[in-house]
Amino acid sequence: MNKKWLTTLAGDIEAKYGKEARERIFGDIGDMKNDHQSLSAWFDNFITGMDELNDKKFLQQMMANRCPCGGDDEENGKAMREFYDNSKTPEDFVDLFGKWLHKKYNGDVDTMALCGNVLYMIKPWKKSHDANRCGEGCHCGLAMHTEKVVSDIFCYCCTIGHTGRMFQAAFGGDIKMEFVESIITGGKECTMAVHLPEKNT
């Protein structure tokens, strides 16, 4: 478990809502145990506490901005932009970029579905032997332990945060991205939508 990341989130909460809110939502991060049952109880308390703040816009943005996952965002964004600039249609772009990603990551990539100028990024179901009922299929090592359907706040980390970074690198920080659904919010898949820039065809 990435306790450094959780400490950063806790600092954001304390800065806006105070020490009491931080302690109620995060508890003692240093004492967190990494076993299945402990993570399940911790996550459910964490997401319930965030919901109780009733400030979804701030919390969604916090989760997206603080996503600890990353790696090749700049490289992927650069390749994405090149494929986009050299393609005649959005369909051509998705085909080129999808094949490049598939080869680079040995097939371990999101599914892409294009509807007009909106690109849907869909994370495949992840098999796990250590997931609770509502977290089964989730890619996140923390969220996969949830016992109950939760709000979408946490999922902004993986969608708009992690997946969205390469689109921001390619097209700029103001590109429109939307969370659609996720497994832990009761959806069938984990999906985000990206509104690609219009191509002059």
Protein backbone atom coordinates (compact mmCIF):
# COMPACT_ATOMS: atom_id res chain seq x y z
CA MET A 1 0.00 0.00 0.00
CA ASN A 2 1.32 3.44 -0.99
CA LYS A 3 1.21 5.18 2.39
CA LYS A 4 3.10 8.20 1.05
CA TRP A 5 0.26 8.83 -1.41
CA LEU A 6 -2.37 8.46 1.31
CA THR A 7 -0.43 10.89 3.49
CA THR A 8 -0.53 13.41 0.64
CA LEU A 9 -4.30 12.99 0.31
CA ALA A 10 -4.66 13.34 4.07
CA GLY A 11 -2.72 16.60 3.90
CA ASP A 12 -5.12 17.93 1.26
CA ILE A 13 -8.10 17.04 3.43
CA GLU A 14 -6.56 18.59 6.54
CA ALA A 15 -5.71 21.79 4.67
CA LYS A 16 -9.34 22.28 3.65
CA TYR A 17 -11.34 20.57 6.41
CA GLY A 18 -9.06 20.46 9.44
CA LYS A 19 -7.27 17.87 11.52
CA GLU A 20 -10.43 16.25 12.89
CA ALA A 21 -11.68 15.43 9.39
CA ARG A 22 -8.27 14.05 8.45
CA GLU A 23 -8.17 11.77 11.48
CA ARG A 24 -11.75 10.60 10.98
CA ILE A 25 -11.23 9.73 7.31
CA PHE A 26 -7.64 8.41 7.31
CA GLY A 27 -6.99 7.25 10.85
CA ASP A 28 -3.35 6.41 11.58
CA ILE A 29 -1.89 5.72 8.14
CA GLY A 30 1.34 4.47 9.68
CA ASP A 31 -0.53 1.68 11.47
CA MET A 32 -2.41 0.48 8.36
CA LYS A 33 -2.14 -3.25 7.86
CA ASN A 34 -1.84 -4.74 4.40
CA ASP A 35 -4.09 -7.76 4.87
CA HIS A 36 -7.37 -8.22 2.99
CA GLN A 37 -9.74 -7.66 5.93
CA SER A 38 -7.92 -4.57 7.24
CA LEU A 39 -7.76 -2.93 3.82
CA SER A 40 -11.45 -3.59 3.27
CA ALA A 41 -12.43 -1.93 6.55
CA TRP A 42 -10.03 0.97 5.98
CA PHE A 43 -11.22 1.65 2.43
CA ASP A 44 -14.90 1.58 3.34
CA ASN A 45 -14.27 4.05 6.19
CA PHE A 46 -12.16 6.23 3.89
CA ILE A 47 -14.68 6.50 1.06
CA THR A 48 -17.62 6.95 3.48
CA GLY A 49 -15.77 9.79 5.19
CA MET A 50 -15.06 11.48 1.88
CA ASP A 51 -18.73 11.18 0.86
CA GLU A 52 -19.79 12.77 4.14
CA LEU A 53 -17.77 15.89 3.30
CA ASN A 54 -20.33 16.49 0.52
CA ASP A 55 -17.81 18.22 -1.74
CA LYS A 56 -17.62 15.95 -4.79
CA LYS A 57 -16.08 18.45 -7.20
CA PHE A 58 -13.11 19.19 -4.91
CA LEU A 59 -12.60 15.54 -4.00
CA GLN A 60 -12.85 14.28 -7.58
CA GLN A 61 -10.26 16.85 -8.65
CA MET A 62 -8.05 15.95 -5.69
CA MET A 63 -8.11 12.26 -6.61
CA ALA A 64 -7.36 13.00 -10.28
CA ASN A 65 -4.51 15.39 -9.49
CA ARG A 66 -2.93 13.14 -6.85
CA CYS A 67 -2.98 9.86 -8.78
CA PRO A 68 0.25 8.01 -7.84
CA CYS A 69 0.17 5.76 -10.91
CA GLY A 70 2.09 6.85 -13.95
CA GLY A 71 5.03 6.08 -16.13
CA ASP A 72 5.03 6.77 -19.84
CA ASP A 73 2.49 9.61 -19.94
CA GLU A 74 4.73 12.03 -21.84
CA GLU A 75 5.98 9.39 -24.28
CA ASN A 76 2.46 8.07 -24.87
CA GLY A 77 1.14 11.60 -25.26
CA LYS A 78 3.82 12.47 -27.79
CA ALA A 79 3.06 9.34 -29.82
CA MET A 80 -0.66 10.01 -29.54
CA ARG A 81 -0.27 13.54 -30.87
CA GLU A 82 1.87 12.35 -33.75
CA PHE A 83 -0.67 9.69 -34.74
CA TYR A 84 -3.48 12.23 -34.40
CA ASP A 85 -1.75 14.86 -36.56
CA ASN A 86 -0.91 12.30 -39.23
CA SER A 87 -4.35 10.70 -39.43
CA LYS A 88 -7.20 11.89 -41.62
CA THR A 89 -10.06 10.77 -39.39
CA PRO A 90 -10.60 9.98 -35.68
CA GLU A 91 -11.04 6.33 -36.70
CA ASP A 92 -7.59 6.31 -38.32
CA PHE A 93 -6.10 7.85 -35.19
CA VAL A 94 -7.67 5.30 -32.83
CA ASP A 95 -6.52 2.44 -35.04
CA LEU A 96 -2.92 3.69 -35.23
CA PHE A 97 -2.60 4.61 -31.57
CA GLY A 98 -4.36 1.46 -30.39
CA LYS A 99 -2.03 -0.80 -32.36
CA TRP A 100 1.01 1.10 -31.05
CA LEU A 101 -0.13 0.79 -27.42
CA HIS A 102 -1.04 -2.87 -27.87
CA LYS A 103 2.46 -3.64 -29.13
CA LYS A 104 4.17 -1.52 -26.48
CA TYR A 105 2.31 -3.08 -23.54
CA ASN A 106 1.99 -6.63 -24.93
CA GLY A 107 -1.78 -6.36 -25.19
CA ASP A 108 -2.32 -5.16 -21.61
CA VAL A 109 -4.17 -1.95 -22.54
CA ASP A 110 -7.61 -0.39 -22.27
CA THR A 111 -10.21 -1.12 -24.92
CA MET A 112 -11.00 1.90 -27.09
CA ALA A 113 -14.43 2.66 -28.54
CA LEU A 114 -15.09 5.70 -30.72
CA CYS A 115 -18.47 7.40 -31.03
CA GLY A 116 -18.22 10.45 -33.25
CA ASN A 117 -15.43 12.51 -31.73
CA VAL A 118 -15.73 10.94 -28.27
CA LEU A 119 -13.23 8.23 -27.41
CA TYR A 120 -14.23 5.80 -24.65
CA MET A 121 -11.37 4.20 -22.71
CA ILE A 122 -12.54 0.99 -21.07
CA LYS A 123 -10.44 -0.94 -18.57
CA PRO A 124 -10.77 -4.71 -18.90
CA TRP A 125 -11.99 -6.78 -15.96
CA LYS A 126 -9.01 -7.78 -13.81
CA LYS A 127 -8.98 -11.25 -12.29
CA SER A 128 -7.95 -11.35 -8.65
CA HIS A 129 -8.00 -13.94 -5.89
CA ASP A 130 -7.97 -11.26 -3.20
CA ALA A 131 -10.96 -9.03 -3.95
CA ASN A 132 -14.22 -8.43 -2.14
CA ARG A 133 -17.63 -8.64 -3.80
CA CYS A 134 -17.95 -5.05 -5.02
CA GLY A 135 -14.25 -4.63 -5.77
CA GLU A 136 -13.88 -7.76 -7.86
CA GLY A 137 -12.54 -6.83 -11.28
CA CYS A 138 -11.09 -3.48 -10.13
CA HIS A 139 -7.47 -2.71 -11.01
CA CYS A 140 -6.76 -0.68 -7.86
CA GLY A 141 -5.00 -2.56 -5.07
CA LEU A 142 -6.93 -0.56 -2.49
CA ALA A 143 -10.40 -0.20 -4.03
CA MET A 144 -10.60 -3.88 -4.93
CA HIS A 145 -11.16 -4.59 -1.24
CA THR A 146 -14.46 -2.72 -0.98
CA GLU A 147 -17.44 -4.64 0.40
CA LYS A 148 -20.01 -2.17 -0.92
CA VAL A 149 -20.83 -0.05 -3.96
CA VAL A 150 -19.30 3.40 -3.44
CA SER A 151 -19.51 6.84 -5.05
CA ASP A 152 -17.37 7.79 -8.04
CA ILE A 153 -14.97 10.05 -6.10
CA PHE A 154 -12.20 7.49 -5.76
CA CYS A 155 -12.38 6.44 -9.42
CA TYR A 156 -11.21 9.83 -10.65
CA CYS A 157 -7.74 8.68 -9.62
CA CYS A 158 -7.57 5.87 -12.16
CA THR A 159 -9.66 7.38 -14.96
CA ILE A 160 -9.17 11.14 -15.21
CA GLY A 161 -5.90 10.93 -13.27
CA HIS A 162 -3.99 7.92 -14.55
CA THR A 163 -5.49 7.31 -18.00
CA GLY A 164 -6.18 10.98 -18.65
CA ARG A 165 -2.58 12.13 -18.25
CA MET A 166 -1.47 10.94 -21.66
CA PHE A 167 -4.37 12.79 -23.27
CA GLN A 168 -3.40 15.95 -21.41
CA ALA A 169 0.19 15.47 -22.56
CA ALA A 170 -1.01 15.13 -26.14
CA PHE A 171 -3.72 17.78 -26.37
CA GLY A 172 -3.22 20.12 -23.41
CA GLY A 173 -4.62 20.36 -19.92
CA ASP A 174 -8.01 21.72 -20.97
CA ILE A 175 -9.07 18.67 -22.98
CA LYS A 176 -12.53 17.56 -21.86
CA MET A 177 -12.60 14.20 -20.07
CA GLU A 178 -15.50 12.59 -18.24
CA PHE A 179 -15.88 9.70 -15.81
CA VAL A 180 -18.60 7.36 -17.10
CA GLU A 181 -18.77 4.32 -14.83
CA SER A 182 -16.68 1.91 -12.80
CA ILE A 183 -16.97 -1.52 -11.27
CA ILE A 184 -16.92 -0.27 -7.67
CA THR A 185 -19.70 2.22 -8.39
CA GLY A 186 -21.91 -0.59 -9.67
CA GLY A 187 -21.00 -0.41 -13.36
CA LYS A 188 -20.07 -3.30 -15.60
CA GLU A 189 -16.70 -1.80 -16.57
CA CYS A 190 -14.39 1.10 -15.76
CA THR A 191 -14.93 3.71 -18.46
CA MET A 192 -14.00 7.31 -19.16
CA ALA A 193 -14.82 9.50 -22.16
CA VAL A 194 -12.37 11.80 -23.92
CA HIS A 195 -13.62 14.49 -26.27
CA LEU A 196 -10.99 14.54 -29.01
CA PRO A 197 -10.24 17.79 -30.81
CA GLU A 198 -12.17 18.20 -34.05
CA LYS A 199 -10.32 17.14 -37.20
CA ASN A 200 -10.70 19.15 -40.37
CA THR A 201 -11.58 16.51 -42.94
